[in-house]
């Protein structure tokens, strides 16, 4: 029995049609290539690559994701042309290699927000800020206002879950005195080092390849070759990992952190372990600003707020575009800002 095609909303079908029609100007075999992609997108055909014959006569093997990205970019006016021979998409005043579009999962959105790509040096840039690759958290920090509610000027920031350095670089550029950037994932950490160097912030940001926990030990990392860490809580566990778990007490002692510092946590669940089990060190900070992940931990945020109310005044501050785009229930995901009682 043939597999039934699930009907899509009319707008999505119209976009499929528009993508197919625009491909006529770039691919000589536009119809069979488009049909192959459509069947793949509906789960009716297993496809690793889509072979397209470009208008210059060259044949290019595009992964389905890249096929869609290229044509979506053309449809939305983000690309002016495709150069299949050189493997680049032509934007306005610059080009982006096909391979970069596959690595940078939000490239099209970044172009829409004014980010550009410098092929000669291999980085994205806007307003003198540079990143090796483009990830969703970068847009969250620099374009969607994720940390606009936090005043970091002349303060020491302990950045837990620094990922590729997006928030740490933002804090440094906003006038932080010093940023201690904690990131356990080895590939994300490696990319963070590149981004710190690209922005000439080696003297401002101290990178630490570790995971935060309420007690010492080792952090187990899954998918060590994948940079995307959203939704991955790297918790304390018995394993052969070389990534250490570090405690707030150790960070406070090692880096001489005083009570005027800010603690930022976006560690996909470690905030529950640290706030509930190592509160004596959390209360050292003047401000605590963290993303909570009740959808991962299955623990109510009320427990965190009750604990923090001993010393802080807290409020949810996730009414910005970043969280609106995510579409999560506030009880499951959001940002909380806590300021020490005066």
Protein backbone atom coordinates (compact mmCIF):
# COMPACT_ATOMS: atom_id res chain seq x y z
CA UNK A 1 0.00 0.00 0.00
CA UNK A 2 1.34 3.41 -0.94
CA UNK A 3 2.21 5.64 2.00
CA UNK A 4 -0.31 8.47 2.36
CA UNK A 5 1.03 12.00 1.96
CA UNK A 6 0.15 14.13 4.96
CA UNK A 7 -1.35 17.39 3.73
CA UNK A 8 0.53 20.51 4.73
CA UNK A 9 -1.01 23.91 5.41
CA UNK A 10 -1.57 25.81 2.18
CA UNK A 11 1.21 28.32 2.93
CA UNK A 12 3.80 25.55 3.18
CA UNK A 13 2.68 23.98 -0.08
CA UNK A 14 2.84 27.38 -1.76
CA UNK A 15 6.40 27.85 -0.48
CA UNK A 16 7.37 24.42 -1.85
CA UNK A 17 5.95 25.49 -5.20
CA UNK A 18 7.76 28.83 -5.16
CA UNK A 19 11.05 27.11 -4.31
CA UNK A 20 10.52 24.69 -7.17
CA UNK A 21 9.75 27.51 -9.60
CA UNK A 22 12.74 29.64 -8.59
CA UNK A 23 15.04 26.63 -9.05
CA UNK A 24 14.35 26.80 -12.81
CA UNK A 25 16.70 29.76 -13.07
CA UNK A 26 19.60 27.93 -11.44
CA UNK A 27 19.31 24.19 -12.10
CA UNK A 28 18.86 22.67 -15.55
CA UNK A 29 17.29 19.55 -14.02
CA UNK A 30 15.09 21.63 -11.74
CA UNK A 31 11.98 19.46 -11.91
CA UNK A 32 13.46 15.99 -11.13
CA UNK A 33 15.69 17.53 -8.45
CA UNK A 34 12.73 19.33 -6.90
CA UNK A 35 10.55 16.23 -6.99
CA UNK A 36 13.31 14.21 -5.34
CA UNK A 37 13.59 16.78 -2.55
CA UNK A 38 9.82 16.91 -2.05
CA UNK A 39 9.55 13.12 -1.73
CA UNK A 40 12.48 13.15 0.70
CA UNK A 41 10.89 15.90 2.81
CA UNK A 42 7.69 13.88 3.11
CA UNK A 43 9.56 10.73 4.18
CA UNK A 44 8.69 8.91 0.95
CA UNK A 45 12.25 8.59 -0.35
CA UNK A 46 15.62 8.08 1.32
CA UNK A 47 18.05 10.62 -0.09
CA UNK A 48 21.64 11.40 0.89
CA UNK A 49 22.33 13.89 -1.88
CA UNK A 50 20.40 15.61 -4.64
CA UNK A 51 22.34 15.80 -7.91
CA UNK A 52 21.74 19.14 -9.61
CA UNK A 53 23.06 20.37 -12.92
CA UNK A 54 23.76 24.05 -12.54
CA UNK A 55 23.29 26.65 -15.23
CA UNK A 56 27.08 26.75 -15.83
CA UNK A 57 26.94 23.07 -16.76
CA UNK A 58 28.64 21.77 -13.63
CA UNK A 59 27.07 18.94 -11.63
CA UNK A 60 26.88 19.42 -7.87
CA UNK A 61 25.86 16.90 -5.22
CA UNK A 62 23.83 18.75 -2.59
CA UNK A 63 22.66 17.27 0.72
CA UNK A 64 18.88 17.87 0.99
CA UNK A 65 19.39 20.41 3.76
CA UNK A 66 21.78 22.44 1.60
CA UNK A 67 19.44 22.22 -1.39
CA UNK A 68 16.67 23.78 0.67
CA UNK A 69 18.95 26.42 2.20
CA UNK A 70 20.25 27.60 -1.16
CA UNK A 71 16.83 27.88 -2.76
CA UNK A 72 15.27 29.44 0.36
CA UNK A 73 18.04 32.03 0.37
CA UNK A 74 17.34 32.81 -3.28
CA UNK A 75 13.58 32.93 -2.73
CA UNK A 76 13.92 35.31 0.24
CA UNK A 77 16.38 37.59 -1.54
CA UNK A 78 19.31 36.74 0.73
CA UNK A 79 21.33 35.31 -2.18
CA UNK A 80 21.66 36.90 -5.62
CA UNK A 81 23.15 33.91 -7.38
CA UNK A 82 24.83 30.52 -7.00
CA UNK A 83 28.32 29.68 -8.21
CA UNK A 84 28.27 25.88 -8.28
CA UNK A 85 31.75 25.62 -9.79
CA UNK A 86 33.31 27.41 -6.81
CA UNK A 87 30.74 26.06 -4.34
CA UNK A 88 29.56 29.43 -3.05
CA UNK A 89 26.30 31.31 -2.64
CA UNK A 90 26.56 34.92 -3.81
CA UNK A 91 25.09 37.41 -1.34
CA UNK A 92 25.21 41.20 -1.59
CA UNK A 93 28.89 42.12 -1.58
CA UNK A 94 30.23 38.78 -0.35
CA UNK A 95 29.99 35.04 -0.87
CA UNK A 96 29.36 32.14 1.51
CA UNK A 97 30.80 28.67 0.85
CA UNK A 98 28.26 25.87 0.64
CA UNK A 99 30.11 24.02 3.41
CA UNK A 100 29.68 27.00 5.77
CA UNK A 101 25.93 26.99 5.23
CA UNK A 102 25.87 23.41 6.47
CA UNK A 103 27.99 24.20 9.56
CA UNK A 104 26.16 27.42 10.48
CA UNK A 105 22.67 26.18 11.26
CA UNK A 106 21.06 29.65 11.31
CA UNK A 107 22.93 31.24 8.40
CA UNK A 108 19.81 32.52 6.63
CA UNK A 109 18.43 34.11 9.80
CA UNK A 110 21.83 35.69 10.46
CA UNK A 111 21.85 37.23 6.98
CA UNK A 112 18.40 38.64 7.67
CA UNK A 113 19.76 40.35 10.80
CA UNK A 114 22.64 41.92 8.91
CA UNK A 115 25.48 39.49 9.62
CA UNK A 116 27.97 39.06 6.77
CA UNK A 117 30.57 36.42 5.98
CA UNK A 118 34.22 37.16 5.25
CA UNK A 119 35.39 34.26 3.11
CA UNK A 120 39.09 35.21 3.05
CA UNK A 121 39.30 34.88 6.86
CA UNK A 122 36.44 32.46 7.42
CA UNK A 123 34.25 34.28 9.93
CA UNK A 124 30.87 35.99 10.34
CA UNK A 125 30.84 39.63 11.41
CA UNK A 126 28.59 42.55 12.33
CA UNK A 127 29.40 45.79 14.19
CA UNK A 128 33.02 44.65 14.64
CA UNK A 129 31.94 41.41 16.36
CA UNK A 130 33.27 38.19 14.81
CA UNK A 131 32.36 34.50 15.07
CA UNK A 132 33.89 31.52 13.30
CA UNK A 133 30.47 29.94 12.65
CA UNK A 134 26.92 31.15 13.16
CA UNK A 135 24.78 29.46 15.85
CA UNK A 136 21.33 30.24 17.24
CA UNK A 137 22.65 31.39 20.66
CA UNK A 138 24.66 34.13 18.90
CA UNK A 139 21.45 35.59 17.49
CA UNK A 140 19.80 35.14 20.89
CA UNK A 141 22.50 37.20 22.57
CA UNK A 142 23.29 39.86 19.96
CA UNK A 143 20.02 40.26 18.07
CA UNK A 144 17.15 39.04 20.27
CA UNK A 145 18.17 40.69 23.54
CA UNK A 146 18.64 37.61 25.71
CA UNK A 147 20.89 39.47 28.19
CA UNK A 148 19.77 43.06 27.70
CA UNK A 149 18.31 43.12 31.22
CA UNK A 150 21.71 42.42 32.79
CA UNK A 151 24.08 45.27 33.72
CA UNK A 152 27.63 43.90 33.63
CA UNK A 153 29.67 47.09 33.48
CA UNK A 154 32.81 46.93 35.66
CA UNK A 155 31.74 43.58 37.14
CA UNK A 156 33.31 40.13 37.16
CA UNK A 157 31.05 37.67 35.32
CA UNK A 158 31.13 33.93 35.89
CA UNK A 159 29.62 32.63 32.65
CA UNK A 160 28.44 29.03 33.13
CA UNK A 161 27.57 27.38 29.83
CA UNK A 162 29.58 29.75 27.65
CA UNK A 163 29.11 27.58 24.53
CA UNK A 164 31.20 29.15 21.72
CA UNK A 165 31.79 32.35 23.69
CA UNK A 166 28.71 34.24 22.49
CA UNK A 167 27.58 35.48 25.92
CA UNK A 168 31.13 35.92 27.24
CA UNK A 169 32.06 38.10 24.28
CA UNK A 170 28.85 40.08 24.69
CA UNK A 171 29.61 40.70 28.39
CA UNK A 172 33.18 41.75 27.63
CA UNK A 173 32.04 44.18 24.95
CA UNK A 174 29.40 45.57 27.32
CA UNK A 175 32.10 46.65 29.78
CA UNK A 176 32.60 43.68 32.12
CA UNK A 177 35.79 43.87 34.16
CA UNK A 178 36.55 40.18 33.55
CA UNK A 179 34.67 37.13 32.30
CA UNK A 180 35.34 33.57 33.45
CA UNK A 181 33.86 31.40 30.71
CA UNK A 182 32.99 27.82 31.70
CA UNK A 183 32.17 25.33 28.91
CA UNK A 184 32.47 21.52 29.18
CA UNK A 185 31.93 20.46 25.55
CA UNK A 186 35.38 20.10 23.93
CA UNK A 187 34.37 21.20 20.41
CA UNK A 188 32.31 24.15 21.62
CA UNK A 189 35.24 25.11 23.89
CA UNK A 190 37.65 24.90 20.95
CA UNK A 191 35.42 27.17 18.89
CA UNK A 192 35.12 29.55 21.84
CA UNK A 193 38.91 29.92 21.92
CA UNK A 194 38.84 30.87 18.23
CA UNK A 195 36.09 33.42 18.79
CA UNK A 196 37.88 35.00 21.74
CA UNK A 197 40.96 35.38 19.56
CA UNK A 198 38.94 36.76 16.61
CA UNK A 199 37.60 39.52 18.90
CA UNK A 200 40.97 40.24 20.58
CA UNK A 201 39.57 39.50 24.03
CA UNK A 202 42.26 37.16 25.35
CA UNK A 203 43.01 39.60 28.19
CA UNK A 204 39.35 39.93 29.17
CA UNK A 205 37.95 36.39 28.98
CA UNK A 206 39.33 33.42 30.93
CA UNK A 207 38.18 30.17 29.23
CA UNK A 208 37.79 27.05 31.38
CA UNK A 209 37.01 23.62 29.87
CA UNK A 210 34.90 22.21 32.69
CA UNK A 211 31.31 21.67 33.76
CA UNK A 212 29.73 23.20 36.84
CA UNK A 213 28.42 20.87 39.55
CA UNK A 214 27.72 20.95 43.28
CA UNK A 215 30.71 18.70 43.97
CA UNK A 216 33.96 17.72 42.22
CA UNK A 217 34.15 14.82 39.79
CA UNK A 218 33.92 14.22 36.06
CA UNK A 219 31.48 15.44 33.44
CA UNK A 220 30.32 12.93 30.81
CA UNK A 221 30.00 14.40 27.32
CA UNK A 222 27.84 12.82 24.64
CA UNK A 223 28.39 13.54 20.95
CA UNK A 224 31.87 14.98 21.45
CA UNK A 225 32.22 15.84 17.75
CA UNK A 226 28.99 17.86 17.59
CA UNK A 227 29.11 21.53 18.59
CA UNK A 228 25.35 21.92 19.12
CA UNK A 229 24.76 21.54 22.87
CA UNK A 230 21.21 22.87 23.26
CA UNK A 231 19.17 20.59 25.51
CA UNK A 232 22.20 18.57 26.64
CA UNK A 233 22.68 18.55 30.41
CA UNK A 234 26.25 17.36 30.99
CA UNK A 235 25.88 16.18 34.55
CA UNK A 236 28.28 14.75 37.09
CA UNK A 237 28.76 11.03 36.45
CA UNK A 238 31.17 8.11 36.70
CA UNK A 239 32.91 7.85 33.34
CA UNK A 240 36.31 7.99 31.64
CA UNK A 241 35.87 11.59 30.55
CA UNK A 242 38.77 14.00 30.94
CA UNK A 243 36.40 16.93 31.43
CA UNK A 244 36.41 17.91 35.12
CA UNK A 245 33.44 19.06 37.15
CA UNK A 246 34.23 22.31 38.92
CA UNK A 247 32.35 23.85 41.83
CA UNK A 248 31.51 27.47 42.52
CA UNK A 249 33.67 27.30 45.62
CA UNK A 250 36.67 26.31 43.53
CA UNK A 251 36.00 29.11 41.04
CA UNK A 252 35.58 31.69 43.80
CA UNK A 253 38.87 30.68 45.42
CA UNK A 254 40.89 30.27 42.23
CA UNK A 255 39.84 33.56 40.63
CA UNK A 256 39.40 35.64 43.80
CA UNK A 257 35.76 36.41 43.05
CA UNK A 258 34.22 38.97 45.39
CA UNK A 259 30.58 39.58 46.33
CA UNK A 260 30.11 42.19 43.58
CA UNK A 261 30.28 39.54 40.87
CA UNK A 262 27.51 38.21 38.60
CA UNK A 263 26.72 34.54 38.15
CA UNK A 264 25.21 33.67 34.76
CA UNK A 265 24.08 30.06 34.19
CA UNK A 266 22.81 28.50 30.99
CA UNK A 267 23.87 24.90 31.50
CA UNK A 268 20.78 22.96 30.42
CA UNK A 269 19.84 21.82 33.95
CA UNK A 270 22.93 22.19 36.15
CA UNK A 271 21.30 25.29 37.69
CA UNK A 272 19.05 22.99 39.75
CA UNK A 273 21.98 20.97 41.11
CA UNK A 274 24.00 24.07 41.98
CA UNK A 275 21.23 26.24 43.48
CA UNK A 276 19.65 23.44 45.51
CA UNK A 277 22.87 21.70 46.62
CA UNK A 278 25.54 24.41 46.72
CA UNK A 279 23.55 27.46 47.73
CA UNK A 280 26.21 28.70 50.17
CA UNK A 281 28.34 29.68 47.18
CA UNK A 282 25.49 30.92 45.02
CA UNK A 283 24.61 33.49 47.71
CA UNK A 284 28.11 34.98 47.43
CA UNK A 285 27.17 36.70 44.15
CA UNK A 286 25.54 40.09 43.91
CA UNK A 287 23.37 39.00 40.98
CA UNK A 288 22.34 35.61 39.63
CA UNK A 289 21.01 35.45 36.10
CA UNK A 290 20.10 32.03 34.76
CA UNK A 291 18.06 30.07 32.28
CA UNK A 292 15.94 27.36 33.87
CA UNK A 293 15.17 24.08 32.10
CA UNK A 294 12.21 22.47 33.83
CA UNK A 295 11.43 20.59 30.62
CA UNK A 296 14.75 18.74 31.05
CA UNK A 297 14.96 18.33 34.83
CA UNK A 298 11.22 17.84 35.47
CA UNK A 299 11.68 19.96 38.62
CA UNK A 300 9.47 22.97 39.30
CA UNK A 301 11.09 26.40 39.19
CA UNK A 302 9.25 27.13 42.45
CA UNK A 303 11.91 25.15 44.31
CA UNK A 304 14.63 27.38 42.90
CA UNK A 305 12.73 30.58 43.64
CA UNK A 306 12.02 29.49 47.20
CA UNK A 307 15.71 28.80 47.82
CA UNK A 308 16.87 32.02 46.23
CA UNK A 309 14.30 34.12 48.11
CA UNK A 310 16.45 33.79 51.24
CA UNK A 311 18.88 36.35 49.85
CA UNK A 312 17.59 37.59 46.49
CA UNK A 313 14.67 39.30 44.84
CA UNK A 314 13.94 37.32 41.66
CA UNK A 315 11.79 37.83 38.61
CA UNK A 316 11.30 36.12 35.26
CA UNK A 317 12.72 38.31 32.48
CA UNK A 318 12.20 36.15 29.38
CA UNK A 319 9.66 38.32 27.59
CA UNK A 320 11.96 38.93 24.62
CA UNK A 321 12.08 37.77 21.00
CA UNK A 322 14.44 34.89 21.82
CA UNK A 323 11.87 33.12 24.00
CA UNK A 324 8.92 34.11 21.89
CA UNK A 325 10.58 32.31 18.99
CA UNK A 326 11.14 29.21 21.10
CA UNK A 327 7.47 29.09 22.01
CA UNK A 328 8.04 27.36 25.36
CA UNK A 329 5.70 27.58 28.34
CA UNK A 330 7.21 29.92 30.95
CA UNK A 331 6.97 27.17 33.53
CA UNK A 332 9.27 25.00 31.44
CA UNK A 333 11.92 27.37 30.08
CA UNK A 334 12.91 30.97 30.65
CA UNK A 335 15.29 33.46 32.23
CA UNK A 336 15.33 34.52 35.85
CA UNK A 337 17.16 37.56 37.18
CA UNK A 338 17.94 37.65 40.90
CA UNK A 339 19.37 40.67 42.71
CA UNK A 340 20.76 40.53 46.23
CA UNK A 341 18.56 41.97 48.95
CA UNK A 342 19.98 45.33 50.05
